[in-house]
């Protein structure tokens, strides 16, 4: 078996690897995602939610009642990842998952009253995180970044044609 892609017939040098790291879109996105997620997790901590959980609750609220398939599509998550994300929210009584009324194969998800209260409380913290990111990075830069990220998602074959509504 081969050893993977080669540049110009020779092994990738450390300098080439550094250049790849500087130019690689996925590396830059993942690095930024980890940093921004940590900021949001830190700010949301008093609510008992992580940034990913807050996002799932917001997607559900924006489209409820919605099937897991619809939520996964909107959130750009695969079904397994969404199921894993919903489990602790359901255990905590923040979401209700039930079988579809007309199609028993579907699972319909909605927020409980407790989930709506938690989302409402957490939104004040989310706004604080948004403001903190804007102060660190710049309001215009954040707005442009969000627009560029929505465009990048739409440009991929798995990208949602409609960005989520602003909150």
Protein backbone atom coordinates (compact mmCIF):
# COMPACT_ATOMS: atom_id res chain seq x y z
CA UNK A 1 0.00 0.00 0.00
CA UNK A 2 1.08 3.56 -0.67
CA UNK A 3 1.90 6.07 2.01
CA UNK A 4 -0.67 8.65 0.92
CA UNK A 5 -0.50 11.74 -1.27
CA UNK A 6 2.91 13.00 -2.22
CA UNK A 7 3.94 16.42 -3.42
CA UNK A 8 6.19 16.39 -6.44
CA UNK A 9 7.21 12.78 -5.82
CA UNK A 10 8.86 13.40 -2.45
CA UNK A 11 7.68 13.31 1.15
CA UNK A 12 5.88 16.36 2.50
CA UNK A 13 8.45 18.53 4.22
CA UNK A 14 7.77 20.27 7.53
CA UNK A 15 7.57 23.60 5.69
CA UNK A 16 5.02 22.18 3.22
CA UNK A 17 3.01 20.79 6.13
CA UNK A 18 3.03 24.23 7.79
CA UNK A 19 1.88 25.82 4.50
CA UNK A 20 -0.91 23.26 4.26
CA UNK A 21 -1.94 24.10 7.84
CA UNK A 22 -2.03 27.82 7.02
CA UNK A 23 -4.06 27.32 3.82
CA UNK A 24 -6.37 24.45 4.84
CA UNK A 25 -9.99 25.56 5.12
CA UNK A 26 -11.08 22.64 7.28
CA UNK A 27 -8.18 23.10 9.70
CA UNK A 28 -8.96 26.81 10.06
CA UNK A 29 -12.69 26.15 10.50
CA UNK A 30 -12.15 23.44 13.10
CA UNK A 31 -9.63 25.53 15.01
CA UNK A 32 -11.96 28.54 15.03
CA UNK A 33 -14.91 26.31 15.94
CA UNK A 34 -13.08 24.92 18.97
CA UNK A 35 -12.11 28.41 20.17
CA UNK A 36 -15.54 29.99 19.63
CA UNK A 37 -17.35 26.97 21.09
CA UNK A 38 -15.18 27.23 24.21
CA UNK A 39 -16.13 30.90 24.56
CA UNK A 40 -19.84 30.10 24.27
CA UNK A 41 -19.55 27.08 26.59
CA UNK A 42 -17.85 29.25 29.22
CA UNK A 43 -20.50 31.96 29.01
CA UNK A 44 -23.42 29.47 28.93
CA UNK A 45 -22.07 27.38 31.83
CA UNK A 46 -24.39 28.96 34.48
CA UNK A 47 -27.39 27.75 32.45
CA UNK A 48 -26.30 24.12 32.50
CA UNK A 49 -26.19 24.05 28.69
CA UNK A 50 -23.30 23.67 26.31
CA UNK A 51 -23.23 25.71 23.10
CA UNK A 52 -24.24 22.69 21.04
CA UNK A 53 -27.24 22.01 23.31
CA UNK A 54 -28.30 25.65 23.14
CA UNK A 55 -28.13 25.52 19.34
CA UNK A 56 -30.23 22.35 19.20
CA UNK A 57 -32.86 23.90 21.50
CA UNK A 58 -32.95 27.03 19.33
CA UNK A 59 -33.34 25.00 16.12
CA UNK A 60 -36.16 23.00 17.68
CA UNK A 61 -37.93 26.14 18.93
CA UNK A 62 -37.62 27.83 15.53
CA UNK A 63 -39.31 24.94 13.73
CA UNK A 64 -41.38 23.04 16.29
CA UNK A 65 -42.98 20.73 16.10
CA UNK A 66 -40.45 19.19 13.74
CA UNK A 67 -39.27 15.72 12.92
CA UNK A 68 -35.78 14.66 13.83
CA UNK A 69 -35.01 14.54 10.11
CA UNK A 70 -36.05 18.19 9.68
CA UNK A 71 -34.06 19.26 12.73
CA UNK A 72 -30.99 17.35 11.56
CA UNK A 73 -31.22 18.95 8.12
CA UNK A 74 -31.57 22.46 9.57
CA UNK A 75 -28.77 21.94 12.08
CA UNK A 76 -26.52 20.23 9.49
CA UNK A 77 -26.21 17.17 11.75
CA UNK A 78 -26.43 13.51 10.87
CA UNK A 79 -29.23 11.53 12.50
CA UNK A 80 -26.94 9.70 14.93
CA UNK A 81 -25.32 12.91 16.17
CA UNK A 82 -28.73 14.53 16.66
CA UNK A 83 -30.04 11.49 18.54
CA UNK A 84 -27.01 11.66 20.87
CA UNK A 85 -27.57 15.41 21.35
CA UNK A 86 -31.27 14.94 22.15
CA UNK A 87 -30.82 12.19 24.77
CA UNK A 88 -29.53 14.39 27.63
CA UNK A 89 -32.02 17.13 26.73
CA UNK A 90 -34.84 14.61 26.88
CA UNK A 91 -33.54 13.09 30.14
CA UNK A 92 -33.44 16.56 31.66
CA UNK A 93 -37.02 17.19 30.55
CA UNK A 94 -36.14 19.99 28.10
CA UNK A 95 -37.45 18.26 24.97
CA UNK A 96 -40.17 15.76 24.24
CA UNK A 97 -39.71 13.18 21.49
CA UNK A 98 -42.81 11.32 20.34
CA UNK A 99 -43.85 9.21 17.38
CA UNK A 100 -45.40 11.04 14.43
CA UNK A 101 -49.20 11.14 14.33
CA UNK A 102 -49.47 10.18 10.66
CA UNK A 103 -46.17 8.35 10.19
CA UNK A 104 -45.18 6.26 13.20
CA UNK A 105 -41.63 5.93 11.81
CA UNK A 106 -41.06 9.64 12.38
CA UNK A 107 -39.96 11.08 15.68
CA UNK A 108 -41.40 14.52 16.35
CA UNK A 109 -39.47 16.78 18.69
CA UNK A 110 -40.71 19.78 20.64
CA UNK A 111 -39.58 21.78 23.64
CA UNK A 112 -41.26 21.22 26.96
CA UNK A 113 -42.28 24.17 29.13
CA UNK A 114 -39.05 23.60 31.08
CA UNK A 115 -37.11 23.58 27.80
CA UNK A 116 -38.67 26.88 26.72
CA UNK A 117 -37.78 28.45 30.08
CA UNK A 118 -34.19 27.15 29.86
CA UNK A 119 -33.83 28.42 26.29
CA UNK A 120 -35.19 31.82 27.32
CA UNK A 121 -32.78 32.03 30.28
CA UNK A 122 -29.86 30.80 28.19
CA UNK A 123 -30.57 33.32 25.43
CA UNK A 124 -29.45 36.17 27.70
CA UNK A 125 -26.13 34.34 28.15
CA UNK A 126 -25.95 33.56 24.42
CA UNK A 127 -26.37 37.30 23.74
CA UNK A 128 -23.50 37.97 26.14
CA UNK A 129 -21.34 35.45 24.24
CA UNK A 130 -22.31 37.07 20.93
CA UNK A 131 -21.32 40.47 22.33
CA UNK A 132 -18.05 39.15 23.71
CA UNK A 133 -17.13 37.63 20.35
CA UNK A 134 -18.04 40.89 18.61
CA UNK A 135 -15.87 42.87 21.03
CA UNK A 136 -12.92 40.53 20.47
CA UNK A 137 -13.26 40.14 16.71
CA UNK A 138 -15.31 43.16 15.62
CA UNK A 139 -19.03 43.48 14.95
CA UNK A 140 -18.67 43.83 11.19
CA UNK A 141 -16.17 40.98 11.02
CA UNK A 142 -18.53 38.68 12.96
CA UNK A 143 -21.45 39.61 10.69
CA UNK A 144 -19.32 38.96 7.59
CA UNK A 145 -18.00 35.72 9.06
CA UNK A 146 -21.49 34.41 9.77
CA UNK A 147 -22.57 35.32 6.23
CA UNK A 148 -19.52 33.61 4.76
CA UNK A 149 -20.12 30.49 6.85
CA UNK A 150 -23.75 30.27 5.70
CA UNK A 151 -22.56 30.69 2.11
CA UNK A 152 -19.93 27.98 2.57
CA UNK A 153 -22.56 25.61 3.97
CA UNK A 154 -24.84 26.29 1.00
CA UNK A 155 -21.96 25.74 -1.42
CA UNK A 156 -21.31 22.22 -0.20
CA UNK A 157 -23.43 19.35 -1.44
CA UNK A 158 -24.79 18.86 2.09
CA UNK A 159 -25.40 22.55 2.74
CA UNK A 160 -28.84 23.71 3.78
CA UNK A 161 -30.37 26.09 1.23
CA UNK A 162 -31.77 28.23 4.04
CA UNK A 163 -29.73 29.60 6.94
CA UNK A 164 -31.38 29.41 10.36
CA UNK A 165 -33.33 32.48 11.43
CA UNK A 166 -31.55 35.01 13.62
CA UNK A 167 -32.55 35.14 17.27
